[in-house]
Amino acid sequence: MPKHQVWIAIVCLAVAGIAGPSVLAQDTHFKIYGGAAYVAPMSDSDVTLGSITDTVEAEQQVGWNLGFEGRFNPWIGIELDYVNATQDVSFGGTTIGEVNFSPLTATFDIHVVHTKVVDFYLGPSYTYVNWGDIKLDANGSGVTGSSEFGTDSTHGWGVSLGLDIGLGEHFAFQGGLKYLDVSLEPEGQSPVSVNPLVARLGVAFRF
């Protein structure tokens, strides 16, 4: 089992143990959600490609988001969500290729407001990012002499907040913001700071 899946399983089991059988039996709630995700990198880094040193930056992009939350009492929940977005990569202000950003994130949610209509929550996050290869276009190949760069997976921490607006007993509009402290790590190159702010907007089914 991959390390990130082991970590997520341990956290879920720990919270379930703390909650206790009686609480789980009475107050367990689940939510499945999905929708659009907007990824806005907040950082960049100087990197040497070939013999040229300049700023490498991942560009803003829209992707999609799927997630699940289990709540074991009205205030505490464990949330898992997945984002997928293909971002352009620029070097010195010129787009040289693209890379797939696909973080799997676990968040310990604290539900500050939890009414039947309004549900506002926030908490710390841990994320595991399996970056795809950086696929270079003509500009990128001209700088590096190659058609793609391999990347290493990475992990990091962040903070998340969300808001659900209920539509009856089971459905809700939901949105949120998540800041992740992660870098893009091309093989054989220095890490590129990305530190994205991820906004999401979609619908949820609650049961």
Protein backbone atom coordinates (compact mmCIF):
# COMPACT_ATOMS: atom_id res chain seq x y z
CA MET A 1 0.00 0.00 0.00
CA PRO A 2 1.42 3.48 -0.89
CA LYS A 3 2.61 5.57 2.06
CA HIS A 4 -0.07 8.25 1.61
CA GLN A 5 -2.85 5.64 1.76
CA VAL A 6 -1.38 4.16 4.95
CA TRP A 7 -1.24 7.63 6.52
CA ILE A 8 -4.87 8.35 5.62
CA ALA A 9 -6.04 4.99 6.98
CA ILE A 10 -4.23 5.56 10.30
CA VAL A 11 -5.83 8.99 10.75
CA CYS A 12 -9.32 7.67 10.00
CA LEU A 13 -8.93 4.76 12.44
CA ALA A 14 -7.58 7.07 15.14
CA VAL A 15 -10.50 9.46 14.85
CA ALA A 16 -12.97 6.58 14.83
CA GLY A 17 -11.39 5.24 18.02
CA ILE A 18 -11.56 8.60 19.75
CA ALA A 19 -15.18 9.11 18.74
CA GLY A 20 -16.27 5.83 20.28
CA PRO A 21 -18.93 3.30 19.19
CA SER A 22 -21.87 5.14 20.76
CA VAL A 23 -21.06 8.42 19.00
CA LEU A 24 -20.48 6.68 15.68
CA ALA A 25 -23.82 4.91 15.93
CA GLN A 26 -25.76 8.11 16.62
CA ASP A 27 -23.96 10.95 14.85
CA THR A 28 -22.18 9.56 11.81
CA HIS A 29 -22.74 11.59 8.64
CA PHE A 30 -21.16 11.30 5.21
CA LYS A 31 -20.80 13.66 2.27
CA ILE A 32 -19.73 13.07 -1.32
CA TYR A 33 -19.04 16.10 -3.49
CA GLY A 34 -17.64 17.13 -6.85
CA GLY A 35 -17.26 20.12 -9.13
CA ALA A 36 -14.79 22.56 -10.65
CA ALA A 37 -11.42 23.47 -9.12
CA TYR A 38 -9.37 26.58 -9.85
CA VAL A 39 -5.64 26.20 -9.15
CA ALA A 40 -3.64 29.43 -8.65
CA PRO A 41 0.09 28.95 -7.90
CA MET A 42 1.37 31.54 -5.43
CA SER A 43 5.15 31.03 -5.85
CA ASP A 44 7.87 30.49 -8.46
CA SER A 45 11.61 29.68 -8.53
CA ASP A 46 14.74 30.33 -10.59
CA VAL A 47 15.96 27.18 -12.37
CA THR A 48 18.77 26.47 -14.86
CA LEU A 49 17.63 24.67 -18.02
CA GLY A 50 20.48 23.84 -20.35
CA SER A 51 22.76 26.86 -19.96
CA ILE A 52 19.98 29.36 -19.24
CA THR A 53 18.83 30.42 -15.76
CA ASP A 54 15.40 32.02 -15.45
CA THR A 55 12.11 31.83 -13.53
CA VAL A 56 10.00 28.68 -13.81
CA GLU A 57 6.34 29.09 -12.90
CA ALA A 58 3.20 26.94 -13.08
CA GLU A 59 0.27 28.88 -14.52
CA GLN A 60 -3.30 29.24 -13.23
CA GLN A 61 -5.72 26.62 -14.53
CA VAL A 62 -9.21 25.17 -14.07
CA GLY A 63 -9.61 21.46 -13.34
CA TRP A 64 -11.99 19.19 -11.44
CA ASN A 65 -12.39 18.03 -7.86
CA LEU A 66 -13.94 15.00 -6.10
CA GLY A 67 -14.15 14.48 -2.36
CA PHE A 68 -15.61 12.59 0.59
CA GLU A 69 -16.08 13.47 4.25
CA GLY A 70 -17.03 11.34 7.23
CA ARG A 71 -18.28 13.17 10.34
CA PHE A 72 -18.33 11.33 13.63
CA ASN A 73 -20.04 14.07 15.64
CA PRO A 74 -21.45 17.53 14.77
CA TRP A 75 -18.05 19.24 15.08
CA ILE A 76 -15.34 16.90 13.74
CA GLY A 77 -14.81 15.21 10.37
CA ILE A 78 -12.12 13.65 8.19
CA GLU A 79 -12.15 14.77 4.55
CA LEU A 80 -10.37 13.26 1.55
CA ASP A 81 -10.33 15.09 -1.75
CA TYR A 82 -8.68 14.75 -5.14
CA VAL A 83 -7.95 17.55 -7.62
CA ASN A 84 -6.86 17.13 -11.23
CA ALA A 85 -5.68 20.06 -13.36
CA THR A 86 -3.27 20.34 -16.29
CA GLN A 87 -1.16 23.47 -15.85
CA ASP A 88 1.02 25.32 -18.34
CA VAL A 89 4.64 25.72 -17.26
CA SER A 90 6.47 28.94 -18.18
CA PHE A 91 10.21 29.67 -18.28
CA GLY A 92 11.18 33.32 -18.30
CA GLY A 93 7.58 34.27 -19.09
CA THR A 94 7.34 31.95 -22.11
CA THR A 95 5.17 28.82 -22.00
CA ILE A 96 7.42 25.80 -22.54
CA GLY A 97 5.07 22.91 -21.78
CA GLU A 98 2.50 21.52 -19.36
CA VAL A 99 2.29 19.31 -16.27
CA ASN A 100 -0.52 17.46 -14.49
CA PHE A 101 -1.23 18.60 -10.91
CA SER A 102 -3.14 15.89 -9.01
CA PRO A 103 -2.98 16.19 -5.21
CA LEU A 104 -4.73 13.75 -2.87
CA THR A 105 -5.41 15.65 0.36
CA ALA A 106 -6.60 14.65 3.83
CA THR A 107 -8.09 17.37 6.05
CA PHE A 108 -9.09 17.32 9.72
CA ASP A 109 -12.29 19.40 9.54
CA ILE A 110 -13.61 21.41 12.48
CA HIS A 111 -17.22 22.44 11.82
CA VAL A 112 -17.44 25.88 13.42
CA VAL A 113 -21.03 26.43 12.21
CA HIS A 114 -23.14 23.33 11.57
CA THR A 115 -26.83 24.06 11.03
CA LYS A 116 -29.13 22.23 8.60
CA VAL A 117 -28.70 25.02 6.05
CA VAL A 118 -25.25 26.54 6.70
CA ASP A 119 -22.15 24.44 7.40
CA PHE A 120 -18.82 26.28 7.76
CA TYR A 121 -15.65 24.30 8.50
CA LEU A 122 -11.86 24.61 8.46
CA GLY A 123 -8.77 22.69 9.46
CA PRO A 124 -5.20 21.52 8.72
CA SER A 125 -4.42 19.43 5.63
CA TYR A 126 -1.81 16.93 4.52
CA THR A 127 -1.35 16.38 0.78
CA TYR A 128 0.41 13.89 -1.47
CA VAL A 129 1.05 15.10 -5.04
CA ASN A 130 1.78 12.71 -7.88
CA TRP A 131 3.02 15.17 -10.51
CA GLY A 132 2.92 13.93 -14.08
CA ASP A 133 5.86 14.34 -16.45
CA ILE A 134 6.45 17.87 -17.71
CA LYS A 135 5.59 17.59 -21.41
CA LEU A 136 7.55 20.21 -23.36
CA ASP A 137 6.42 21.97 -26.52
CA ALA A 138 8.73 23.46 -29.18
CA ASN A 139 9.86 26.29 -26.89
CA GLY A 140 10.74 23.93 -24.08
CA SER A 141 12.50 21.41 -26.31
CA GLY A 142 14.59 24.22 -27.75
CA VAL A 143 15.88 25.10 -24.28
CA THR A 144 16.43 21.61 -22.89
CA GLY A 145 17.04 19.44 -25.96
CA SER A 146 14.38 17.00 -24.73
CA SER A 147 10.64 16.49 -25.19
CA GLU A 148 9.78 15.96 -21.50
CA PHE A 149 11.03 16.04 -17.91
CA GLY A 150 10.28 13.37 -15.34
CA THR A 151 9.15 14.53 -11.90
CA ASP A 152 9.22 13.14 -8.38
CA SER A 153 6.11 12.83 -6.24
CA THR A 154 6.04 15.11 -3.21
CA HIS A 155 4.02 15.87 -0.10
CA GLY A 156 3.31 18.83 2.13
CA TRP A 157 0.99 20.56 4.55
CA GLY A 158 -1.72 23.16 4.16
CA VAL A 159 -4.90 24.67 5.53
CA SER A 160 -8.44 24.39 4.21
CA LEU A 161 -11.85 25.97 4.71
CA GLY A 162 -15.25 25.23 3.22
CA LEU A 163 -18.88 26.31 3.18
CA ASP A 164 -21.98 24.23 2.37
CA ILE A 165 -25.41 25.73 1.72
CA GLY A 166 -28.05 23.03 2.18
CA LEU A 167 -30.87 22.41 -0.30
CA GLY A 168 -33.18 20.14 1.65
CA GLU A 169 -32.04 17.13 3.62
CA HIS A 170 -29.52 15.57 1.24
CA PHE A 171 -28.24 18.11 -1.30
CA ALA A 172 -26.06 21.22 -0.95
CA PHE A 173 -24.04 23.72 -2.89
CA GLN A 174 -20.47 23.69 -1.60
CA GLY A 175 -17.32 25.70 -2.07
CA GLY A 176 -13.95 26.05 -0.44
CA LEU A 177 -10.38 27.29 -0.44
CA LYS A 178 -7.23 25.31 0.26
CA TYR A 179 -3.62 26.51 0.52
CA LEU A 180 -0.95 23.84 -0.01
CA ASP A 181 2.76 24.20 0.73
CA VAL A 182 4.16 21.98 -2.06
CA SER A 183 6.80 22.16 -4.81
CA LEU A 184 7.17 20.77 -8.31
CA GLU A 185 10.29 18.57 -8.31
CA PRO A 186 11.70 17.85 -11.82
CA GLU A 187 14.15 14.94 -11.83
CA GLY A 188 17.73 16.19 -11.63
CA GLN A 189 16.66 19.81 -11.11
CA SER A 190 16.06 22.08 -8.15
CA PRO A 191 12.49 22.09 -6.74
CA VAL A 192 10.14 24.74 -8.12
CA SER A 193 7.95 26.39 -5.48
CA VAL A 194 4.27 26.25 -6.44
CA ASN A 195 2.35 26.66 -3.14
CA PRO A 196 -1.05 26.76 -4.86
CA LEU A 197 -4.30 28.23 -3.66
CA VAL A 198 -7.04 25.83 -4.77
CA ALA A 199 -10.63 27.10 -4.98
CA ARG A 200 -13.49 24.68 -5.51
CA LEU A 201 -17.19 25.06 -6.35
CA GLY A 202 -19.66 22.24 -6.80
CA VAL A 203 -22.53 20.20 -5.38
CA ALA A 204 -22.67 17.70 -2.53
CA PHE A 205 -24.82 14.72 -1.58
CA ARG A 206 -25.15 14.24 2.19
CA PHE A 207 -26.41 11.13 3.96
